Amino acid sequence: MLRPQLRNFNSLSGISFLAAVMSLGYSTIATGLTIHNGKQPGTVYNVDQFSTADAVLSGFNSLGIIAFAYGSWFNYIVVPIYI
């Protein structure tokens, strides 16, 4: 419904900018509410219970999740640079 109103793809930059601003706004609201709520009762925030191996594997898991989320960016931009 919105696409026929746009004359060309150059006019999509405004929508892209609006989407980026909204995403930043949502993230700011979520962070602010989390800080406002503070520490929840009954929750353990102790990181000493994890071994070094658990920490390393969790780090690799995090990198894998990020790589999966940005897979198309990695495949189309980074890989051709190294080939």
C-alpha atoms as a PDB file:
ATOM      1  CA  MET A   1       0.000   0.000   0.000  1.00  0.00           C
ATOM      2  CA  LEU A   2       2.887   2.370   0.712  1.00  0.00           C
ATOM      3  CA  ARG A   3       5.135   1.274  -2.172  1.00  0.00           C
ATOM      4  CA  PRO A   4       2.911   2.606  -5.009  1.00  0.00           C
ATOM      5  CA  GLN A   5       3.039   6.047  -3.386  1.00  0.00           C
ATOM      6  CA  LEU A   6       6.829   6.209  -3.804  1.00  0.00           C
ATOM      7  CA  ARG A   7       8.169   7.441  -7.125  1.00  0.00           C
ATOM      8  CA  ASN A   8      11.503   5.625  -7.064  1.00  0.00           C
ATOM      9  CA  PHE A   9      13.816   3.716  -4.766  1.00  0.00           C
ATOM     10  CA  ASN A  10      15.735   6.887  -3.847  1.00  0.00           C
ATOM     11  CA  SER A  11      12.710   8.005  -1.860  1.00  0.00           C
ATOM     12  CA  LEU A  12      13.043   4.890   0.330  1.00  0.00           C
ATOM     13  CA  SER A  13      15.910   6.569   2.189  1.00  0.00           C
ATOM     14  CA  GLY A  14      13.410   8.584   4.237  1.00  0.00           C
ATOM     15  CA  ILE A  15      11.587   5.424   5.296  1.00  0.00           C
ATOM     16  CA  SER A  16      14.894   3.765   6.127  1.00  0.00           C
ATOM     17  CA  PHE A  17      15.881   6.744   8.270  1.00  0.00           C
ATOM     18  CA  LEU A  18      12.519   6.681  10.040  1.00  0.00           C
ATOM     19  CA  ALA A  19      12.922   2.953  10.733  1.00  0.00           C
ATOM     20  CA  ALA A  20      16.401   3.561  12.187  1.00  0.00           C
ATOM     21  CA  VAL A  21      15.103   6.355  14.439  1.00  0.00           C
ATOM     22  CA  MET A  22      12.214   4.169  15.629  1.00  0.00           C
ATOM     23  CA  SER A  23      14.572   1.275  16.352  1.00  0.00           C
ATOM     24  CA  LEU A  24      16.849   3.543  18.358  1.00  0.00           C
ATOM     25  CA  GLY A  25      13.825   4.904  20.210  1.00  0.00           C
ATOM     26  CA  TYR A  26      12.550   1.431  21.097  1.00  0.00           C
ATOM     27  CA  SER A  27      16.001   0.424  22.320  1.00  0.00           C
ATOM     28  CA  THR A  28      16.269   3.575  24.431  1.00  0.00           C
ATOM     29  CA  ILE A  29      12.842   2.974  25.972  1.00  0.00           C
ATOM     30  CA  ALA A  30      13.686  -0.658  26.773  1.00  0.00           C
ATOM     31  CA  THR A  31      17.033   0.308  28.317  1.00  0.00           C
ATOM     32  CA  GLY A  32      15.460   3.115  30.347  1.00  0.00           C
ATOM     33  CA  LEU A  33      12.716   0.878  31.695  1.00  0.00           C
ATOM     34  CA  THR A  34      15.240  -1.799  32.604  1.00  0.00           C
ATOM     35  CA  ILE A  35      17.376   0.703  34.508  1.00  0.00           C
ATOM     36  CA  HIS A  36      14.285   2.162  36.179  1.00  0.00           C
ATOM     37  CA  ASN A  37      13.067  -1.253  37.392  1.00  0.00           C
ATOM     38  CA  GLY A  38      16.454  -2.052  38.910  1.00  0.00           C
ATOM     39  CA  LYS A  39      17.411  -5.369  40.442  1.00  0.00           C
ATOM     40  CA  GLN A  40      14.528  -7.795  40.625  1.00  0.00           C
ATOM     41  CA  PRO A  41      14.025  -9.628  43.936  1.00  0.00           C
ATOM     42  CA  GLY A  42      14.937 -13.300  43.927  1.00  0.00           C
ATOM     43  CA  THR A  43      17.244 -13.018  40.917  1.00  0.00           C
ATOM     44  CA  VAL A  44      20.903 -14.035  41.193  1.00  0.00           C
ATOM     45  CA  TYR A  45      23.279 -11.823  39.223  1.00  0.00           C
ATOM     46  CA  ASN A  46      26.394 -13.781  40.119  1.00  0.00           C
ATOM     47  CA  VAL A  47      28.764 -14.522  37.245  1.00  0.00           C
ATOM     48  CA  ASP A  48      31.268 -16.353  39.443  1.00  0.00           C
ATOM     49  CA  GLN A  49      29.229 -19.547  39.155  1.00  0.00           C
ATOM     50  CA  PHE A  50      30.437 -20.073  35.548  1.00  0.00           C
ATOM     51  CA  SER A  51      33.739 -21.755  34.752  1.00  0.00           C
ATOM     52  CA  THR A  52      36.219 -20.326  32.257  1.00  0.00           C
ATOM     53  CA  ALA A  53      35.178 -22.919  29.686  1.00  0.00           C
ATOM     54  CA  ASP A  54      31.528 -21.921  30.078  1.00  0.00           C
ATOM     55  CA  ALA A  55      32.444 -18.275  29.578  1.00  0.00           C
ATOM     56  CA  VAL A  56      34.475 -19.011  26.431  1.00  0.00           C
ATOM     57  CA  LEU A  57      31.764 -21.216  24.937  1.00  0.00           C
ATOM     58  CA  SER A  58      29.117 -18.600  25.751  1.00  0.00           C
ATOM     59  CA  GLY A  59      31.254 -16.035  23.943  1.00  0.00           C
ATOM     60  CA  PHE A  60      31.488 -18.263  20.866  1.00  0.00           C
ATOM     61  CA  ASN A  61      27.736 -18.843  21.041  1.00  0.00           C
ATOM     62  CA  SER A  62      27.167 -15.082  21.109  1.00  0.00           C
ATOM     63  CA  LEU A  63      29.409 -14.593  18.077  1.00  0.00           C
ATOM     64  CA  GLY A  64      27.522 -17.355  16.259  1.00  0.00           C
ATOM     65  CA  ILE A  65      24.182 -15.689  16.976  1.00  0.00           C
ATOM     66  CA  ILE A  66      25.487 -12.355  15.697  1.00  0.00           C
ATOM     67  CA  ALA A  67      26.952 -13.997  12.576  1.00  0.00           C
ATOM     68  CA  PHE A  68      23.634 -15.734  11.897  1.00  0.00           C
ATOM     69  CA  ALA A  69      21.679 -12.508  12.367  1.00  0.00           C
ATOM     70  CA  TYR A  70      23.945 -10.587   9.999  1.00  0.00           C
ATOM     71  CA  GLY A  71      24.625 -13.505   7.666  1.00  0.00           C
ATOM     72  CA  SER A  72      23.566 -11.754   4.491  1.00  0.00           C
ATOM     73  CA  TRP A  73      25.789  -8.767   5.293  1.00  0.00           C
ATOM     74  CA  PHE A  74      28.742 -11.043   5.958  1.00  0.00           C
ATOM     75  CA  ASN A  75      28.237 -13.111   2.796  1.00  0.00           C
ATOM     76  CA  TYR A  76      27.758 -10.214   0.408  1.00  0.00           C
ATOM     77  CA  ILE A  77      30.264  -7.686   1.751  1.00  0.00           C
ATOM     78  CA  VAL A  78      32.994  -9.251   3.875  1.00  0.00           C
ATOM     79  CA  VAL A  79      33.582 -12.533   2.031  1.00  0.00           C
ATOM     80  CA  PRO A  80      34.173 -10.966  -1.433  1.00  0.00           C
ATOM     81  CA  ILE A  81      36.783  -8.668   0.107  1.00  0.00           C
ATOM     82  CA  TYR A  82      38.922 -11.631   1.146  1.00  0.00           C
ATOM     83  CA  ILE A  83      38.471 -13.647  -2.057  1.00  0.00           C
END
